[in-house]
Amino acid sequence: MRRSPLSLVVAALLGLVLSGCFGASRPIEYYTLTPLPRMAGTADGGTATIVAVMPVAIPASIDRPQIVTRTAENQLALSEYNRWAGSLKEDIGRTLVQNLNDLLKGRPVSVLPEALAADPRYLISVTVNRLDGRLGEAVWLNAAWTLRDQPAKRTLTIRSFVKEEKAAGPGYADLVAATSRVIEALSREIAADFERQVK
């Protein structure tokens, strides 16, 4: 059965429209947490006492490539176009290690991830109970940590930490920057606690 010229033109135009809709995809933006800037005088390695940061525990609801935001008190949204550049769990651990090394630079200690720490003297374990935010508003962190003296087989401290950090703007970059700041605040609390407990 022959088609009319008009129907062929309509079909061609429809094909162009559909190819335009499905052919041009929106680019994905990738983000990572930012640690404190390294300061002059920060010691690396040597014969310092080894402090190991154990793998950070985070909720399954945020342990995914997509950045998760809170849209209501009991509702979360996943962004397909705004994602973590790697594992959020590992990114938090990496940021904590770098921050603690900087914050404790005046002490003869070397803070390492647990996988690289050979026979550590102290263990730091961190559990994140909540880490999410609302675009254009704030990021909320609820976490707990323990500090353990390995040779003495003794837990020195168990602490909790709650922090709200305002986002500086409406976008995902602002949300990630606020997330970096709450991890910095947590790092400062852990460092201060270490200073109190380890004389």
C-alpha atoms as a PDB file:
ATOM      1  CA  MET A   1       0.000   0.000   0.000  1.00  0.00           C
ATOM      2  CA  ARG A   2       1.452   3.349  -1.108  1.00  0.00           C
ATOM      3  CA  ARG A   3       1.671   6.204   1.344  1.00  0.00           C
ATOM      4  CA  SER A   4       0.760   9.745   0.411  1.00  0.00           C
ATOM      5  CA  PRO A   5       3.536  12.344   0.224  1.00  0.00           C
ATOM      6  CA  LEU A   6       1.984  14.146   3.200  1.00  0.00           C
ATOM      7  CA  SER A   7       2.135  11.053   5.412  1.00  0.00           C
ATOM      8  CA  LEU A   8       5.783  10.515   4.451  1.00  0.00           C
ATOM      9  CA  VAL A   9       6.615  14.109   5.417  1.00  0.00           C
ATOM     10  CA  VAL A  10       4.809  13.749   8.764  1.00  0.00           C
ATOM     11  CA  ALA A  11       6.637  10.490   9.494  1.00  0.00           C
ATOM     12  CA  ALA A  12       9.996  12.087   8.682  1.00  0.00           C
ATOM     13  CA  LEU A  13       9.300  15.091  10.924  1.00  0.00           C
ATOM     14  CA  LEU A  14       8.203  12.801  13.756  1.00  0.00           C
ATOM     15  CA  GLY A  15      11.406  10.830  13.402  1.00  0.00           C
ATOM     16  CA  LEU A  16      13.478  14.003  13.656  1.00  0.00           C
ATOM     17  CA  VAL A  17      11.609  15.125  16.768  1.00  0.00           C
ATOM     18  CA  LEU A  18      12.043  11.755  18.477  1.00  0.00           C
ATOM     19  CA  SER A  19      15.729  11.546  17.601  1.00  0.00           C
ATOM     20  CA  GLY A  20      16.183  15.025  19.047  1.00  0.00           C
ATOM     21  CA  CYS A  21      14.447  14.044  22.283  1.00  0.00           C
ATOM     22  CA  PHE A  22      16.353  10.820  22.796  1.00  0.00           C
ATOM     23  CA  GLY A  23      19.625  11.614  21.062  1.00  0.00           C
ATOM     24  CA  ALA A  24      20.689  14.649  23.067  1.00  0.00           C
ATOM     25  CA  SER A  25      21.127  13.498  26.668  1.00  0.00           C
ATOM     26  CA  ARG A  26      21.843  15.778  29.594  1.00  0.00           C
ATOM     27  CA  PRO A  27      25.463  15.510  30.835  1.00  0.00           C
ATOM     28  CA  ILE A  28      26.077  14.005  34.266  1.00  0.00           C
ATOM     29  CA  GLU A  29      27.882  16.162  36.833  1.00  0.00           C
ATOM     30  CA  TYR A  30      30.295  14.390  39.223  1.00  0.00           C
ATOM     31  CA  TYR A  31      31.253  15.656  42.682  1.00  0.00           C
ATOM     32  CA  THR A  32      33.720  14.838  45.445  1.00  0.00           C
ATOM     33  CA  LEU A  33      34.180  16.052  49.016  1.00  0.00           C
ATOM     34  CA  THR A  34      36.865  18.640  49.732  1.00  0.00           C
ATOM     35  CA  PRO A  35      39.224  18.169  52.696  1.00  0.00           C
ATOM     36  CA  LEU A  36      40.950  20.950  54.600  1.00  0.00           C
ATOM     37  CA  PRO A  37      43.800  22.554  52.644  1.00  0.00           C
ATOM     38  CA  ARG A  38      47.150  21.099  53.635  1.00  0.00           C
ATOM     39  CA  MET A  39      49.124  23.531  55.758  1.00  0.00           C
ATOM     40  CA  ALA A  40      52.872  24.036  55.845  1.00  0.00           C
ATOM     41  CA  GLY A  41      54.501  21.939  58.531  1.00  0.00           C
ATOM     42  CA  THR A  42      52.152  18.969  58.243  1.00  0.00           C
ATOM     43  CA  ALA A  43      54.183  15.887  59.011  1.00  0.00           C
ATOM     44  CA  ASP A  44      53.922  12.748  56.885  1.00  0.00           C
ATOM     45  CA  GLY A  45      54.774   9.275  58.126  1.00  0.00           C
ATOM     46  CA  GLY A  46      58.097   8.824  59.911  1.00  0.00           C
ATOM     47  CA  THR A  47      58.165   7.157  63.315  1.00  0.00           C
ATOM     48  CA  ALA A  48      54.885   8.713  64.415  1.00  0.00           C
ATOM     49  CA  THR A  49      52.269   6.788  66.388  1.00  0.00           C
ATOM     50  CA  ILE A  50      49.854   5.214  63.923  1.00  0.00           C
ATOM     51  CA  VAL A  51      46.158   6.063  64.169  1.00  0.00           C
ATOM     52  CA  ALA A  52      43.862   4.023  61.930  1.00  0.00           C
ATOM     53  CA  VAL A  53      40.489   5.272  60.693  1.00  0.00           C
ATOM     54  CA  MET A  54      38.228   2.281  60.148  1.00  0.00           C
ATOM     55  CA  PRO A  55      35.888   2.139  57.101  1.00  0.00           C
ATOM     56  CA  VAL A  56      33.051   4.575  57.763  1.00  0.00           C
ATOM     57  CA  ALA A  57      29.551   3.097  58.145  1.00  0.00           C
ATOM     58  CA  ILE A  58      26.830   5.038  56.308  1.00  0.00           C
ATOM     59  CA  PRO A  59      23.102   4.386  55.773  1.00  0.00           C
ATOM     60  CA  ALA A  60      22.179   2.243  52.763  1.00  0.00           C
ATOM     61  CA  SER A  61      19.827   5.022  51.639  1.00  0.00           C
ATOM     62  CA  ILE A  62      22.784   7.283  50.723  1.00  0.00           C
ATOM     63  CA  ASP A  63      25.318   4.572  49.801  1.00  0.00           C
ATOM     64  CA  ARG A  64      24.754   4.934  46.058  1.00  0.00           C
ATOM     65  CA  PRO A  65      26.254   6.832  43.099  1.00  0.00           C
ATOM     66  CA  GLN A  66      23.422   9.372  42.883  1.00  0.00           C
ATOM     67  CA  ILE A  67      23.420  12.357  45.235  1.00  0.00           C
ATOM     68  CA  VAL A  68      20.491  11.984  47.614  1.00  0.00           C
ATOM     69  CA  THR A  69      18.466  14.972  48.759  1.00  0.00           C
ATOM     70  CA  ARG A  70      15.604  15.221  51.213  1.00  0.00           C
ATOM     71  CA  THR A  71      12.353  16.490  49.684  1.00  0.00           C
ATOM     72  CA  ALA A  72      10.178  15.899  52.769  1.00  0.00           C
ATOM     73  CA  GLU A  73      10.675  14.654  56.324  1.00  0.00           C
ATOM     74  CA  ASN A  74      10.218  11.031  55.231  1.00  0.00           C
ATOM     75  CA  GLN A  75      11.013  11.300  51.518  1.00  0.00           C
ATOM     76  CA  LEU A  76      14.307  11.223  49.603  1.00  0.00           C
ATOM     77  CA  ALA A  77      15.122  11.972  45.961  1.00  0.00           C
ATOM     78  CA  LEU A  78      17.991  10.574  43.857  1.00  0.00           C
ATOM     79  CA  SER A  79      19.516  12.734  41.128  1.00  0.00           C
ATOM     80  CA  GLU A  80      20.476  10.796  38.008  1.00  0.00           C
ATOM     81  CA  TYR A  81      22.435  13.784  36.677  1.00  0.00           C
ATOM     82  CA  ASN A  82      24.337  14.726  39.862  1.00  0.00           C
ATOM     83  CA  ARG A  83      26.501  11.911  41.202  1.00  0.00           C
ATOM     84  CA  TRP A  84      29.455  11.176  43.442  1.00  0.00           C
ATOM     85  CA  ALA A  85      32.687  10.690  41.497  1.00  0.00           C
ATOM     86  CA  GLY A  86      33.356   7.518  43.491  1.00  0.00           C
ATOM     87  CA  SER A  87      32.085   5.780  46.611  1.00  0.00           C
ATOM     88  CA  LEU A  88      30.610   8.282  49.095  1.00  0.00           C
ATOM     89  CA  LYS A  89      31.579   5.947  51.941  1.00  0.00           C
ATOM     90  CA  GLU A  90      35.221   5.921  50.823  1.00  0.00           C
ATOM     91  CA  ASP A  91      35.169   9.657  50.093  1.00  0.00           C
ATOM     92  CA  ILE A  92      34.065  10.416  53.665  1.00  0.00           C
ATOM     93  CA  GLY A  93      36.822   8.176  55.039  1.00  0.00           C
ATOM     94  CA  ARG A  94      39.462   9.765  52.790  1.00  0.00           C
ATOM     95  CA  THR A  95      38.367  13.253  53.828  1.00  0.00           C
ATOM     96  CA  LEU A  96      38.438  12.354  57.527  1.00  0.00           C
ATOM     97  CA  VAL A  97      41.968  10.934  57.220  1.00  0.00           C
ATOM     98  CA  GLN A  98      43.266  14.030  55.428  1.00  0.00           C
ATOM     99  CA  ASN A  99      41.536  16.402  57.828  1.00  0.00           C
ATOM    100  CA  LEU A 100      42.783  14.600  60.937  1.00  0.00           C
ATOM    101  CA  ASN A 101      46.352  14.555  59.670  1.00  0.00           C
ATOM    102  CA  ASP A 102      46.154  18.316  59.209  1.00  0.00           C
ATOM    103  CA  LEU A 103      44.398  19.018  62.522  1.00  0.00           C
ATOM    104  CA  LEU A 104      46.810  16.809  64.527  1.00  0.00           C
ATOM    105  CA  LYS A 105      49.957  18.024  62.764  1.00  0.00           C
ATOM    106  CA  GLY A 106      51.380  19.294  66.057  1.00  0.00           C
ATOM    107  CA  ARG A 107      51.420  15.776  67.517  1.00  0.00           C
ATOM    108  CA  PRO A 108      53.721  12.857  66.597  1.00  0.00           C
ATOM    109  CA  VAL A 109      50.894  10.884  64.974  1.00  0.00           C
ATOM    110  CA  SER A 110      50.162   9.643  61.483  1.00  0.00           C
ATOM    111  CA  VAL A 111      46.511   9.048  60.582  1.00  0.00           C
ATOM    112  CA  LEU A 112      45.934   6.378  57.945  1.00  0.00           C
ATOM    113  CA  PRO A 113      43.020   4.432  56.495  1.00  0.00           C
ATOM    114  CA  GLU A 114      42.688   1.052  58.197  1.00  0.00           C
ATOM    115  CA  ALA A 115      43.767  -0.795  55.031  1.00  0.00           C
ATOM    116  CA  LEU A 116      47.195   0.938  55.103  1.00  0.00           C
ATOM    117  CA  ALA A 117      47.804   1.122  58.865  1.00  0.00           C
ATOM    118  CA  ALA A 118      50.239  -1.545  60.058  1.00  0.00           C
ATOM    119  CA  ASP A 119      49.791  -2.345  63.759  1.00  0.00           C
ATOM    120  CA  PRO A 120      48.027   0.930  64.700  1.00  0.00           C
ATOM    121  CA  ARG A 121      48.148   2.163  68.282  1.00  0.00           C
ATOM    122  CA  TYR A 122      44.698   3.801  68.129  1.00  0.00           C
ATOM    123  CA  LEU A 123      41.539   2.995  66.177  1.00  0.00           C
ATOM    124  CA  ILE A 124      38.875   5.530  65.223  1.00  0.00           C
ATOM    125  CA  SER A 125      35.510   4.136  64.144  1.00  0.00           C
ATOM    126  CA  VAL A 126      32.855   6.453  62.696  1.00  0.00           C
ATOM    127  CA  THR A 127      29.191   5.657  62.074  1.00  0.00           C
ATOM    128  CA  VAL A 128      27.089   8.116  60.093  1.00  0.00           C
ATOM    129  CA  ASN A 129      23.427   7.822  61.045  1.00  0.00           C
ATOM    130  CA  ARG A 130      22.228  10.646  58.801  1.00  0.00           C
ATOM    131  CA  LEU A 131      23.859  12.710  56.062  1.00  0.00           C
ATOM    132  CA  ASP A 132      21.482  14.446  53.692  1.00  0.00           C
ATOM    133  CA  GLY A 133      20.241  17.875  52.786  1.00  0.00           C
ATOM    134  CA  ARG A 134      17.739  20.000  50.917  1.00  0.00           C
ATOM    135  CA  LEU A 135      18.772  21.970  47.863  1.00  0.00           C
ATOM    136  CA  GLY A 136      19.108  25.640  48.683  1.00  0.00           C
ATOM    137  CA  GLU A 137      18.680  25.012  52.420  1.00  0.00           C
ATOM    138  CA  ALA A 138      21.084  22.940  54.505  1.00  0.00           C
ATOM    139  CA  VAL A 139      22.893  19.646  55.106  1.00  0.00           C
ATOM    140  CA  TRP A 140      22.314  17.605  58.266  1.00  0.00           C
ATOM    141  CA  LEU A 141      24.838  15.220  59.814  1.00  0.00           C
ATOM    142  CA  ASN A 142      24.200  12.868  62.721  1.00  0.00           C
ATOM    143  CA  ALA A 143      27.210  10.695  63.532  1.00  0.00           C
ATOM    144  CA  ALA A 144      28.974   8.835  66.337  1.00  0.00           C
ATOM    145  CA  TRP A 145      32.562   7.724  66.831  1.00  0.00           C
ATOM    146  CA  THR A 146      34.719   5.678  69.155  1.00  0.00           C
ATOM    147  CA  LEU A 147      38.411   5.985  69.962  1.00  0.00           C
ATOM    148  CA  ARG A 148      40.119   2.776  71.032  1.00  0.00           C
ATOM    149  CA  ASP A 149      43.582   2.100  72.460  1.00  0.00           C
ATOM    150  CA  GLN A 150      44.603  -1.149  70.777  1.00  0.00           C
ATOM    151  CA  PRO A 151      47.509  -2.342  73.013  1.00  0.00           C
ATOM    152  CA  ALA A 152      45.466  -1.611  76.155  1.00  0.00           C
ATOM    153  CA  LYS A 153      42.344  -3.176  74.576  1.00  0.00           C
ATOM    154  CA  ARG A 154      40.368  -0.261  75.954  1.00  0.00           C
ATOM    155  CA  THR A 155      37.777   2.088  74.478  1.00  0.00           C
ATOM    156  CA  LEU A 156      38.797   5.603  75.464  1.00  0.00           C
ATOM    157  CA  THR A 157      35.683   7.424  74.320  1.00  0.00           C
ATOM    158  CA  ILE A 158      32.308   7.089  72.625  1.00  0.00           C
ATOM    159  CA  ARG A 159      30.865  10.339  71.310  1.00  0.00           C
ATOM    160  CA  SER A 160      28.000  11.585  69.173  1.00  0.00           C
ATOM    161  CA  PHE A 161      27.835  14.602  66.891  1.00  0.00           C
ATOM    162  CA  VAL A 162      24.927  16.507  65.313  1.00  0.00           C
ATOM    163  CA  LYS A 163      25.447  19.403  62.910  1.00  0.00           C
ATOM    164  CA  GLU A 164      23.398  21.507  60.493  1.00  0.00           C
ATOM    165  CA  GLU A 165      25.267  23.435  57.811  1.00  0.00           C
ATOM    166  CA  LYS A 166      23.554  26.023  55.619  1.00  0.00           C
ATOM    167  CA  ALA A 167      24.015  25.748  51.859  1.00  0.00           C
ATOM    168  CA  ALA A 168      25.446  28.889  50.255  1.00  0.00           C
ATOM    169  CA  GLY A 169      23.297  28.558  47.127  1.00  0.00           C
ATOM    170  CA  PRO A 170      20.579  26.558  45.383  1.00  0.00           C
ATOM    171  CA  GLY A 171      22.641  24.038  43.402  1.00  0.00           C
ATOM    172  CA  TYR A 172      24.198  20.627  43.923  1.00  0.00           C
ATOM    173  CA  ALA A 173      27.711  22.155  44.077  1.00  0.00           C
ATOM    174  CA  ASP A 174      26.516  24.239  47.038  1.00  0.00           C
ATOM    175  CA  LEU A 175      25.051  21.145  48.693  1.00  0.00           C
ATOM    176  CA  VAL A 176      28.315  19.199  48.265  1.00  0.00           C
ATOM    177  CA  ALA A 177      30.328  22.140  49.626  1.00  0.00           C
ATOM    178  CA  ALA A 178      28.083  22.213  52.709  1.00  0.00           C
ATOM    179  CA  THR A 179      28.598  18.443  53.059  1.00  0.00           C
ATOM    180  CA  SER A 180      32.365  18.984  53.034  1.00  0.00           C
ATOM    181  CA  ARG A 181      31.953  21.568  55.800  1.00  0.00           C
ATOM    182  CA  VAL A 182      29.967  19.225  58.070  1.00  0.00           C
ATOM    183  CA  ILE A 183      32.642  16.543  57.597  1.00  0.00           C
ATOM    184  CA  GLU A 184      35.230  19.190  58.502  1.00  0.00           C
ATOM    185  CA  ALA A 185      33.260  20.020  61.662  1.00  0.00           C
ATOM    186  CA  LEU A 186      33.117  16.318  62.563  1.00  0.00           C
ATOM    187  CA  SER A 187      36.873  16.036  61.949  1.00  0.00           C
ATOM    188  CA  ARG A 188      37.522  18.937  64.320  1.00  0.00           C
ATOM    189  CA  GLU A 189      35.441  17.301  67.058  1.00  0.00           C
ATOM    190  CA  ILE A 190      37.289  13.990  66.667  1.00  0.00           C
ATOM    191  CA  ALA A 191      40.674  15.744  66.682  1.00  0.00           C
ATOM    192  CA  ALA A 192      39.778  17.704  69.822  1.00  0.00           C
ATOM    193  CA  ASP A 193      38.596  14.503  71.510  1.00  0.00           C
ATOM    194  CA  PHE A 194      41.844  12.756  70.565  1.00  0.00           C
ATOM    195  CA  GLU A 195      43.824  15.631  72.079  1.00  0.00           C
ATOM    196  CA  ARG A 196      41.873  15.307  75.340  1.00  0.00           C
ATOM    197  CA  GLN A 197      42.153  11.534  75.597  1.00  0.00           C
ATOM    198  CA  VAL A 198      45.712  10.941  74.396  1.00  0.00           C
ATOM    199  CA  LYS A 199      48.193  12.839  76.543  1.00  0.00           C
END
